[in-house]
Amino acid sequence: MSKIVKVLIKNFRGISDLQLDIGSNQNLVCIIGRGDSGKSTILEAISLALAPRWNIPVHDTDYYQCNPQNQIEIEVSLIDFPETFLHHDKYGLALRAY
């Protein structure tokens, strides 16, 4: 089963710059915080990065401070990625070595 080991989010909704380094030996990760602190935004960013599609609709409200000049960057690093996906057309151009 795949595991997320690193998440990088820049200029996405309320997050200007976030880097999460998760140990490869971690089996459970909890995101805890007050309401409107960005927990759901982190999960939505991960979901968008791992979605097997090329065209993702983006609105002005998805940019940090609603400013499209702030380029959105979302990067998710996985380990133990299933070999069957390595040749999958949807992920083929987005893969890199860890």
PDB file of N, CA and C in Angstrom:
ATOM      1  N   MET A   1       0.834  -1.168   0.000  1.00  0.00           N
ATOM      2  CA  MET A   1       0.000   0.000   0.000  1.00  0.00           C
ATOM      3  C   MET A   1       0.888   1.244   0.000  1.00  0.00           C
ATOM      4  N   SER A   2       0.508   2.232  -0.777  1.00  0.00           N
ATOM      5  CA  SER A   2       1.271   3.476  -0.862  1.00  0.00           C
ATOM      6  C   SER A   2       1.202   4.254   0.444  1.00  0.00           C
ATOM      7  N   LYS A   3       2.279   4.997   0.717  1.00  0.00           N
ATOM      8  CA  LYS A   3       2.332   5.872   1.879  1.00  0.00           C
ATOM      9  C   LYS A   3       2.821   7.243   1.436  1.00  0.00           C
ATOM     10  N   ILE A   4       2.180   8.267   1.953  1.00  0.00           N
ATOM     11  CA  ILE A   4       2.624   9.638   1.705  1.00  0.00           C
ATOM     12  C   ILE A   4       3.771   9.930   2.657  1.00  0.00           C
ATOM     13  N   VAL A   5       4.898  10.401   2.115  1.00  0.00           N
ATOM     14  CA  VAL A   5       6.056  10.718   2.958  1.00  0.00           C
ATOM     15  C   VAL A   5       6.396  12.206   2.952  1.00  0.00           C
ATOM     16  N   LYS A   6       5.829  12.951   1.995  1.00  0.00           N
ATOM     17  CA  LYS A   6       6.121  14.380   1.944  1.00  0.00           C
ATOM     18  C   LYS A   6       4.987  15.099   1.221  1.00  0.00           C
ATOM     19  N   VAL A   7       4.609  16.259   1.749  1.00  0.00           N
ATOM     20  CA  VAL A   7       3.594  17.103   1.121  1.00  0.00           C
ATOM     21  C   VAL A   7       4.136  18.521   1.082  1.00  0.00           C
ATOM     22  N   LEU A   8       4.085  19.135  -0.084  1.00  0.00           N
ATOM     23  CA  LEU A   8       4.499  20.523  -0.267  1.00  0.00           C
ATOM     24  C   LEU A   8       3.326  21.273  -0.880  1.00  0.00           C
ATOM     25  N   ILE A   9       2.894  22.345  -0.237  1.00  0.00           N
ATOM     26  CA  ILE A   9       1.781  23.156  -0.731  1.00  0.00           C
ATOM     27  C   ILE A   9       2.217  24.610  -0.705  1.00  0.00           C
ATOM     28  N   LYS A  10       2.050  25.284  -1.837  1.00  0.00           N
ATOM     29  CA  LYS A  10       2.358  26.715  -1.916  1.00  0.00           C
ATOM     30  C   LYS A  10       1.195  27.432  -2.587  1.00  0.00           C
ATOM     31  N   ASN A  11       0.771  28.515  -1.962  1.00  0.00           N
ATOM     32  CA  ASN A  11      -0.226  29.429  -2.521  1.00  0.00           C
ATOM     33  C   ASN A  11      -1.558  28.761  -2.862  1.00  0.00           C
ATOM     34  N   PHE A  12      -1.999  27.837  -2.030  1.00  0.00           N
ATOM     35  CA  PHE A  12      -3.283  27.178  -2.242  1.00  0.00           C
ATOM     36  C   PHE A  12      -4.235  27.574  -1.124  1.00  0.00           C
ATOM     37  N   ARG A  13      -5.274  28.274  -1.497  1.00  0.00           N
ATOM     38  CA  ARG A  13      -6.296  28.768  -0.567  1.00  0.00           C
ATOM     39  C   ARG A  13      -5.648  29.533   0.586  1.00  0.00           C
ATOM     40  N   GLY A  14      -5.809  29.095   1.816  1.00  0.00           N
ATOM     41  CA  GLY A  14      -5.262  29.827   2.963  1.00  0.00           C
ATOM     42  C   GLY A  14      -3.837  29.465   3.314  1.00  0.00           C
ATOM     43  N   ILE A  15      -3.191  28.638   2.498  1.00  0.00           N
ATOM     44  CA  ILE A  15      -1.826  28.188   2.794  1.00  0.00           C
ATOM     45  C   ILE A  15      -0.841  28.876   1.859  1.00  0.00           C
ATOM     46  N   SER A  16       0.069  29.670   2.431  1.00  0.00           N
ATOM     47  CA  SER A  16       1.072  30.324   1.590  1.00  0.00           C
ATOM     48  C   SER A  16       2.250  29.393   1.327  1.00  0.00           C
ATOM     49  N   ASP A  17       2.680  28.656   2.345  1.00  0.00           N
ATOM     50  CA  ASP A  17       3.833  27.760   2.194  1.00  0.00           C
ATOM     51  C   ASP A  17       3.793  26.715   3.303  1.00  0.00           C
ATOM     52  N   LEU A  18       3.701  25.451   2.933  1.00  0.00           N
ATOM     53  CA  LEU A  18       3.644  24.370   3.908  1.00  0.00           C
ATOM     54  C   LEU A  18       4.451  23.191   3.398  1.00  0.00           C
ATOM     55  N   GLN A  19       5.281  22.642   4.260  1.00  0.00           N
ATOM     56  CA  GLN A  19       6.007  21.416   3.934  1.00  0.00           C
ATOM     57  C   GLN A  19       5.841  20.454   5.097  1.00  0.00           C
ATOM     58  N   LEU A  20       5.263  19.292   4.803  1.00  0.00           N
ATOM     59  CA  LEU A  20       5.105  18.238   5.798  1.00  0.00           C
ATOM     60  C   LEU A  20       6.020  17.089   5.425  1.00  0.00           C
ATOM     61  N   ASP A  21       6.910  16.716   6.310  1.00  0.00           N
ATOM     62  CA  ASP A  21       7.760  15.549   6.118  1.00  0.00           C
ATOM     63  C   ASP A  21       7.260  14.474   7.071  1.00  0.00           C
ATOM     64  N   ILE A  22       6.759  13.393   6.486  1.00  0.00           N
ATOM     65  CA  ILE A  22       6.194  12.301   7.265  1.00  0.00           C
ATOM     66  C   ILE A  22       7.147  11.119   7.138  1.00  0.00           C
ATOM     67  N   GLY A  23       7.558  10.569   8.248  1.00  0.00           N
ATOM     68  CA  GLY A  23       8.481   9.438   8.221  1.00  0.00           C
ATOM     69  C   GLY A  23       7.903   8.247   7.477  1.00  0.00           C
ATOM     70  N   SER A  24       8.748   7.544   6.766  1.00  0.00           N
ATOM     71  CA  SER A  24       8.294   6.386   5.999  1.00  0.00           C
ATOM     72  C   SER A  24       7.830   5.244   6.895  1.00  0.00           C
ATOM     73  N   ASN A  25       8.153   5.325   8.178  1.00  0.00           N
ATOM     74  CA  ASN A  25       7.733   4.280   9.108  1.00  0.00           C
ATOM     75  C   ASN A  25       6.429   4.629   9.823  1.00  0.00           C
ATOM     76  N   GLN A  26       5.826   5.782   9.482  1.00  0.00           N
ATOM     77  CA  GLN A  26       4.579   6.204  10.110  1.00  0.00           C
ATOM     78  C   GLN A  26       3.391   5.493   9.462  1.00  0.00           C
ATOM     79  N   ASN A  27       2.544   4.871  10.271  1.00  0.00           N
ATOM     80  CA  ASN A  27       1.360   4.202   9.760  1.00  0.00           C
ATOM     81  C   ASN A  27       0.095   5.014   9.976  1.00  0.00           C
ATOM     82  N   LEU A  28       0.161   6.029  10.814  1.00  0.00           N
ATOM     83  CA  LEU A  28      -0.996   6.857  11.110  1.00  0.00           C
ATOM     84  C   LEU A  28      -0.532   8.295  11.270  1.00  0.00           C
ATOM     85  N   VAL A  29      -1.207   9.193  10.591  1.00  0.00           N
ATOM     86  CA  VAL A  29      -0.905  10.611  10.696  1.00  0.00           C
ATOM     87  C   VAL A  29      -2.206  11.336  11.008  1.00  0.00           C
ATOM     88  N   CYS A  30      -2.204  12.166  12.025  1.00  0.00           N
ATOM     89  CA  CYS A  30      -3.385  12.943  12.403  1.00  0.00           C
ATOM     90  C   CYS A  30      -3.111  14.417  12.137  1.00  0.00           C
ATOM     91  N   ILE A  31      -4.079  15.082  11.560  1.00  0.00           N
ATOM     92  CA  ILE A  31      -3.998  16.529  11.369  1.00  0.00           C
ATOM     93  C   ILE A  31      -4.984  17.141  12.355  1.00  0.00           C
ATOM     94  N   ILE A  32      -4.457  17.868  13.317  1.00  0.00           N
ATOM     95  CA  ILE A  32      -5.277  18.424  14.392  1.00  0.00           C
ATOM     96  C   ILE A  32      -5.134  19.931  14.388  1.00  0.00           C
ATOM     97  N   GLY A  33      -6.245  20.625  14.547  1.00  0.00           N
ATOM     98  CA  GLY A  33      -6.206  22.081  14.624  1.00  0.00           C
ATOM     99  C   GLY A  33      -7.597  22.639  14.827  1.00  0.00           C
ATOM    100  N   ARG A  34      -7.638  23.915  15.133  1.00  0.00           N
ATOM    101  CA  ARG A  34      -8.918  24.598  15.323  1.00  0.00           C
ATOM    102  C   ARG A  34      -9.651  24.712  13.998  1.00  0.00           C
ATOM    103  N   GLY A  35     -10.916  25.085  14.078  1.00  0.00           N
ATOM    104  CA  GLY A  35     -11.701  25.314  12.877  1.00  0.00           C
ATOM    105  C   GLY A  35     -11.076  26.387  12.005  1.00  0.00           C
ATOM    106  N   ASP A  36     -11.154  26.196  10.703  1.00  0.00           N
ATOM    107  CA  ASP A  36     -10.638  27.148   9.715  1.00  0.00           C
ATOM    108  C   ASP A  36      -9.128  27.368   9.844  1.00  0.00           C
ATOM    109  N   SER A  37      -8.399  26.298  10.228  1.00  0.00           N
ATOM    110  CA  SER A  37      -6.946  26.429  10.340  1.00  0.00           C
ATOM    111  C   SER A  37      -6.200  25.801   9.162  1.00  0.00           C
ATOM    112  N   GLY A  38      -6.940  25.140   8.235  1.00  0.00           N
ATOM    113  CA  GLY A  38      -6.306  24.617   7.030  1.00  0.00           C
ATOM    114  C   GLY A  38      -6.278  23.108   6.911  1.00  0.00           C
ATOM    115  N   LYS A  39      -6.857  22.394   7.858  1.00  0.00           N
ATOM    116  CA  LYS A  39      -6.830  20.916   7.817  1.00  0.00           C
ATOM    117  C   LYS A  39      -7.480  20.380   6.540  1.00  0.00           C
ATOM    118  N   SER A  40      -8.677  20.855   6.251  1.00  0.00           N
ATOM    119  CA  SER A  40      -9.390  20.398   5.042  1.00  0.00           C
ATOM    120  C   SER A  40      -8.679  20.838   3.774  1.00  0.00           C
ATOM    121  N   THR A  41      -8.045  21.988   3.812  1.00  0.00           N
ATOM    122  CA  THR A  41      -7.294  22.472   2.651  1.00  0.00           C
ATOM    123  C   THR A  41      -6.122  21.549   2.348  1.00  0.00           C
ATOM    124  N   ILE A  42      -5.444  21.067   3.368  1.00  0.00           N
ATOM    125  CA  ILE A  42      -4.344  20.121   3.173  1.00  0.00           C
ATOM    126  C   ILE A  42      -4.859  18.847   2.519  1.00  0.00           C
ATOM    127  N   LEU A  43      -5.965  18.316   3.038  1.00  0.00           N
ATOM    128  CA  LEU A  43      -6.538  17.091   2.474  1.00  0.00           C
ATOM    129  C   LEU A  43      -7.027  17.295   1.042  1.00  0.00           C
ATOM    130  N   GLU A  44      -7.617  18.453   0.753  1.00  0.00           N
ATOM    131  CA  GLU A  44      -8.071  18.748  -0.608  1.00  0.00           C
ATOM    132  C   GLU A  44      -6.885  18.869  -1.559  1.00  0.00           C
ATOM    133  N   ALA A  45      -5.799  19.474  -1.114  1.00  0.00           N
ATOM    134  CA  ALA A  45      -4.596  19.590  -1.945  1.00  0.00           C
ATOM    135  C   ALA A  45      -4.027  18.212  -2.274  1.00  0.00           C
ATOM    136  N   ILE A  46      -3.967  17.333  -1.277  1.00  0.00           N
ATOM    137  CA  ILE A  46      -3.488  15.969  -1.520  1.00  0.00           C
ATOM    138  C   ILE A  46      -4.397  15.260  -2.510  1.00  0.00           C
ATOM    139  N   SER A  47      -5.693  15.424  -2.337  1.00  0.00           N
ATOM    140  CA  SER A  47      -6.658  14.807  -3.244  1.00  0.00           C
ATOM    141  C   SER A  47      -6.480  15.297  -4.674  1.00  0.00           C
ATOM    142  N   LEU A  48      -6.275  16.603  -4.850  1.00  0.00           N
ATOM    143  CA  LEU A  48      -6.062  17.150  -6.195  1.00  0.00           C
ATOM    144  C   LEU A  48      -4.773  16.628  -6.816  1.00  0.00           C
ATOM    145  N   ALA A  49      -3.720  16.526  -6.001  1.00  0.00           N
ATOM    146  CA  ALA A  49      -2.431  16.054  -6.526  1.00  0.00           C
ATOM    147  C   ALA A  49      -2.486  14.591  -6.949  1.00  0.00           C
ATOM    148  N   LEU A  50      -3.272  13.800  -6.260  1.00  0.00           N
ATOM    149  CA  LEU A  50      -3.328  12.366  -6.560  1.00  0.00           C
ATOM    150  C   LEU A  50      -4.473  11.993  -7.492  1.00  0.00           C
ATOM    151  N   ALA A  51      -5.269  12.972  -7.887  1.00  0.00           N
ATOM    152  CA  ALA A  51      -6.388  12.691  -8.797  1.00  0.00           C
ATOM    153  C   ALA A  51      -5.846  12.300 -10.173  1.00  0.00           C
ATOM    154  N   PRO A  52      -6.357  11.217 -10.751  1.00  0.00           N
ATOM    155  CA  PRO A  52      -5.859  10.776 -12.063  1.00  0.00           C
ATOM    156  C   PRO A  52      -6.497  11.552 -13.211  1.00  0.00           C
ATOM    157  N   ARG A  53      -6.305  12.868 -13.203  1.00  0.00           N
ATOM    158  CA  ARG A  53      -6.855  13.704 -14.279  1.00  0.00           C
ATOM    159  C   ARG A  53      -5.905  14.867 -14.528  1.00  0.00           C
ATOM    160  N   TRP A  54      -5.923  15.362 -15.740  1.00  0.00           N
ATOM    161  CA  TRP A  54      -5.036  16.455 -16.123  1.00  0.00           C
ATOM    162  C   TRP A  54      -5.698  17.814 -15.966  1.00  0.00           C
ATOM    163  N   ASN A  55      -6.986  17.901 -16.207  1.00  0.00           N
ATOM    164  CA  ASN A  55      -7.693  19.181 -16.149  1.00  0.00           C
ATOM    165  C   ASN A  55      -8.421  19.325 -14.822  1.00  0.00           C
ATOM    166  N   ILE A  56      -7.906  20.182 -13.985  1.00  0.00           N
ATOM    167  CA  ILE A  56      -8.510  20.434 -12.681  1.00  0.00           C
ATOM    168  C   ILE A  56      -8.992  21.887 -12.682  1.00  0.00           C
ATOM    169  N   PRO A  57     -10.292  22.102 -12.468  1.00  0.00           N
ATOM    170  CA  PRO A  57     -10.788  23.481 -12.457  1.00  0.00           C
ATOM    171  C   PRO A  57     -10.235  24.254 -11.264  1.00  0.00           C
ATOM    172  N   VAL A  58      -9.753  25.446 -11.522  1.00  0.00           N
ATOM    173  CA  VAL A  58      -9.198  26.309 -10.479  1.00  0.00           C
ATOM    174  C   VAL A  58      -9.925  27.641 -10.537  1.00  0.00           C
ATOM    175  N   HIS A  59     -10.323  28.124  -9.384  1.00  0.00           N
ATOM    176  CA  HIS A  59     -11.031  29.392  -9.284  1.00  0.00           C
ATOM    177  C   HIS A  59     -10.147  30.410  -8.564  1.00  0.00           C
ATOM    178  N   ASP A  60     -10.494  31.687  -8.671  1.00  0.00           N
ATOM    179  CA  ASP A  60      -9.705  32.723  -8.004  1.00  0.00           C
ATOM    180  C   ASP A  60      -9.583  32.461  -6.504  1.00  0.00           C
ATOM    181  N   THR A  61     -10.618  31.884  -5.898  1.00  0.00           N
ATOM    182  CA  THR A  61     -10.588  31.616  -4.459  1.00  0.00           C
ATOM    183  C   THR A  61      -9.632  30.488  -4.086  1.00  0.00           C
ATOM    184  N   ASP A  62      -9.140  29.731  -5.073  1.00  0.00           N
ATOM    185  CA  ASP A  62      -8.163  28.671  -4.794  1.00  0.00           C
ATOM    186  C   ASP A  62      -6.745  29.216  -4.662  1.00  0.00           C
ATOM    187  N   TYR A  63      -6.510  30.435  -5.120  1.00  0.00           N
ATOM    188  CA  TYR A  63      -5.191  31.057  -5.010  1.00  0.00           C
ATOM    189  C   TYR A  63      -5.045  31.716  -3.642  1.00  0.00           C
ATOM    190  N   TYR A  64      -3.846  31.684  -3.112  1.00  0.00           N
ATOM    191  CA  TYR A  64      -3.584  32.330  -1.833  1.00  0.00           C
ATOM    192  C   TYR A  64      -3.945  33.807  -1.925  1.00  0.00           C
ATOM    193  N   GLN A  65      -4.724  34.287  -0.982  1.00  0.00           N
ATOM    194  CA  GLN A  65      -5.233  35.656  -0.929  1.00  0.00           C
ATOM    195  C   GLN A  65      -6.015  36.018  -2.196  1.00  0.00           C
ATOM    196  N   CYS A  66      -6.599  35.011  -2.852  1.00  0.00           N
ATOM    197  CA  CYS A  66      -7.416  35.194  -4.064  1.00  0.00           C
ATOM    198  C   CYS A  66      -6.664  35.938  -5.158  1.00  0.00           C
ATOM    199  N   ASN A  67      -5.350  35.782  -5.194  1.00  0.00           N
ATOM    200  CA  ASN A  67      -4.516  36.476  -6.164  1.00  0.00           C
ATOM    201  C   ASN A  67      -3.914  35.464  -7.135  1.00  0.00           C
ATOM    202  N   PRO A  68      -4.406  35.425  -8.400  1.00  0.00           N
ATOM    203  CA  PRO A  68      -3.873  34.478  -9.380  1.00  0.00           C
ATOM    204  C   PRO A  68      -2.397  34.667  -9.704  1.00  0.00           C
ATOM    205  N   GLN A  69      -1.782  35.762  -9.275  1.00  0.00           N
ATOM    206  CA  GLN A  69      -0.345  35.958  -9.461  1.00  0.00           C
ATOM    207  C   GLN A  69       0.456  35.005  -8.564  1.00  0.00           C
ATOM    208  N   ASN A  70      -0.178  34.519  -7.488  1.00  0.00           N
ATOM    209  CA  ASN A  70       0.455  33.549  -6.593  1.00  0.00           C
ATOM    210  C   ASN A  70       0.268  32.160  -7.193  1.00  0.00           C
ATOM    211  N   GLN A  71       1.263  31.657  -7.867  1.00  0.00           N
ATOM    212  CA  GLN A  71       1.167  30.364  -8.550  1.00  0.00           C
ATOM    213  C   GLN A  71       1.011  29.227  -7.546  1.00  0.00           C
ATOM    214  N   ILE A  72       0.002  28.383  -7.778  1.00  0.00           N
ATOM    215  CA  ILE A  72      -0.260  27.244  -6.904  1.00  0.00           C
ATOM    216  C   ILE A  72       0.727  26.120  -7.218  1.00  0.00           C
ATOM    217  N   GLU A  73       1.295  25.529  -6.152  1.00  0.00           N
ATOM    218  CA  GLU A  73       2.174  24.377  -6.304  1.00  0.00           C
ATOM    219  C   GLU A  73       1.792  23.353  -5.245  1.00  0.00           C
ATOM    220  N   ILE A  74       1.464  22.151  -5.703  1.00  0.00           N
ATOM    221  CA  ILE A  74       1.126  21.057  -4.790  1.00  0.00           C
ATOM    222  C   ILE A  74       1.951  19.849  -5.205  1.00  0.00           C
ATOM    223  N   GLU A  75       2.707  19.320  -4.257  1.00  0.00           N
ATOM    224  CA  GLU A  75       3.585  18.182  -4.537  1.00  0.00           C
ATOM    225  C   GLU A  75       3.386  17.143  -3.433  1.00  0.00           C
ATOM    226  N   VAL A  76       3.133  15.909  -3.830  1.00  0.00           N
ATOM    227  CA  VAL A  76       2.953  14.819  -2.876  1.00  0.00           C
ATOM    228  C   VAL A  76       3.914  13.698  -3.255  1.00  0.00           C
ATOM    229  N   SER A  77       4.739  13.270  -2.303  1.00  0.00           N
ATOM    230  CA  SER A  77       5.688  12.181  -2.549  1.00  0.00           C
ATOM    231  C   SER A  77       5.186  10.924  -1.851  1.00  0.00           C
ATOM    232  N   LEU A  78       5.185   9.824  -2.606  1.00  0.00           N
ATOM    233  CA  LEU A  78       4.705   8.542  -2.105  1.00  0.00           C
ATOM    234  C   LEU A  78       5.813   7.505  -2.164  1.00  0.00           C
ATOM    235  N   ILE A  79       5.710   6.509  -1.291  1.00  0.00           N
ATOM    236  CA  ILE A  79       6.563   5.333  -1.399  1.00  0.00           C
ATOM    237  C   ILE A  79       5.656   4.122  -1.555  1.00  0.00           C
ATOM    238  N   ASP A  80       6.218   3.023  -1.968  1.00  0.00           N
ATOM    239  CA  ASP A  80       5.468   1.780  -2.186  1.00  0.00           C
ATOM    240  C   ASP A  80       4.312   1.979  -3.155  1.00  0.00           C
ATOM    241  N   PHE A  81       4.559   2.746  -4.195  1.00  0.00           N
ATOM    242  CA  PHE A  81       3.546   3.013  -5.217  1.00  0.00           C
ATOM    243  C   PHE A  81       3.327   1.730  -6.013  1.00  0.00           C
ATOM    244  N   PRO A  82       2.075   1.310  -6.238  1.00  0.00           N
ATOM    245  CA  PRO A  82       1.825   0.052  -6.957  1.00  0.00           C
ATOM    246  C   PRO A  82       2.437   0.062  -8.354  1.00  0.00           C
ATOM    247  N   GLU A  83       3.148  -0.984  -8.685  1.00  0.00           N
ATOM    248  CA  GLU A  83       3.826  -1.064  -9.976  1.00  0.00           C
ATOM    249  C   GLU A  83       2.852  -0.949 -11.149  1.00  0.00           C
ATOM    250  N   THR A  84       1.626  -1.389 -10.960  1.00  0.00           N
ATOM    251  CA  THR A  84       0.648  -1.310 -12.050  1.00  0.00           C
ATOM    252  C   THR A  84       0.365   0.137 -12.441  1.00  0.00           C
ATOM    253  N   PHE A  85       0.541   1.090 -11.511  1.00  0.00           N
ATOM    254  CA  PHE A  85       0.314   2.488 -11.821  1.00  0.00           C
ATOM    255  C   PHE A  85       1.512   3.149 -12.495  1.00  0.00           C
ATOM    256  N   LEU A  86       2.685   2.521 -12.412  1.00  0.00           N
ATOM    257  CA  LEU A  86       3.881   3.133 -12.983  1.00  0.00           C
ATOM    258  C   LEU A  86       3.767   3.312 -14.486  1.00  0.00           C
ATOM    259  N   HIS A  87       2.969   2.493 -15.144  1.00  0.00           N
ATOM    260  CA  HIS A  87       2.797   2.593 -16.585  1.00  0.00           C
ATOM    261  C   HIS A  87       1.452   3.202 -16.948  1.00  0.00           C
ATOM    262  N   HIS A  88       0.721   3.651 -15.965  1.00  0.00           N
ATOM    263  CA  HIS A  88      -0.613   4.196 -16.176  1.00  0.00           C
ATOM    264  C   HIS A  88      -0.507   5.553 -16.873  1.00  0.00           C
ATOM    265  N   ASP A  89      -1.297   5.760 -17.885  1.00  0.00           N
ATOM    266  CA  ASP A  89      -1.234   7.001 -18.669  1.00  0.00           C
ATOM    267  C   ASP A  89      -1.477   8.240 -17.823  1.00  0.00           C
ATOM    268  N   LYS A  90      -2.312   8.151 -16.824  1.00  0.00           N
ATOM    269  CA  LYS A  90      -2.656   9.332 -16.030  1.00  0.00           C
ATOM    270  C   LYS A  90      -1.516   9.775 -15.120  1.00  0.00           C
ATOM    271  N   TYR A  91      -0.662   8.849 -14.676  1.00  0.00           N
ATOM    272  CA  TYR A  91       0.409   9.199 -13.744  1.00  0.00           C
ATOM    273  C   TYR A  91       1.792   9.201 -14.404  1.00  0.00           C
ATOM    274  N   GLY A  92       1.919   8.655 -15.591  1.00  0.00           N
ATOM    275  CA  GLY A  92       3.219   8.467 -16.208  1.00  0.00           C
ATOM    276  C   GLY A  92       4.091   9.693 -16.288  1.00  0.00           C
ATOM    277  N   LEU A  93       3.516  10.852 -16.612  1.00  0.00           N
ATOM    278  CA  LEU A  93       4.311  12.071 -16.748  1.00  0.00           C
ATOM    279  C   LEU A  93       4.580  12.747 -15.419  1.00  0.00           C
ATOM    280  N   ALA A  94       3.889  12.326 -14.368  1.00  0.00           N
ATOM    281  CA  ALA A  94       4.029  12.988 -13.062  1.00  0.00           C
ATOM    282  C   ALA A  94       4.932  12.225 -12.113  1.00  0.00           C
ATOM    283  N   LEU A  95       5.444  11.091 -12.515  1.00  0.00           N
ATOM    284  CA  LEU A  95       6.256  10.263 -11.622  1.00  0.00           C
ATOM    285  C   LEU A  95       7.701  10.738 -11.563  1.00  0.00           C
ATOM    286  N   ARG A  96       8.300  10.571 -10.396  1.00  0.00           N
ATOM    287  CA  ARG A  96       9.715  10.865 -10.224  1.00  0.00           C
ATOM    288  C   ARG A  96      10.241   9.952  -9.143  1.00  0.00           C
ATOM    289  N   ALA A  97      11.526   9.810  -9.060  1.00  0.00           N
ATOM    290  CA  ALA A  97      12.128   8.904  -8.076  1.00  0.00           C
ATOM    291  C   ALA A  97      12.190   9.564  -6.722  1.00  0.00           C
ATOM    292  N   TYR A  98      12.121   8.759  -5.665  1.00  0.00           N
ATOM    293  CA  TYR A  98      12.215   9.252  -4.290  1.00  0.00           C
ATOM    294  C   TYR A  98      13.556   8.834  -3.728  1.00  0.00           C
TER     295      TYR A  98
END
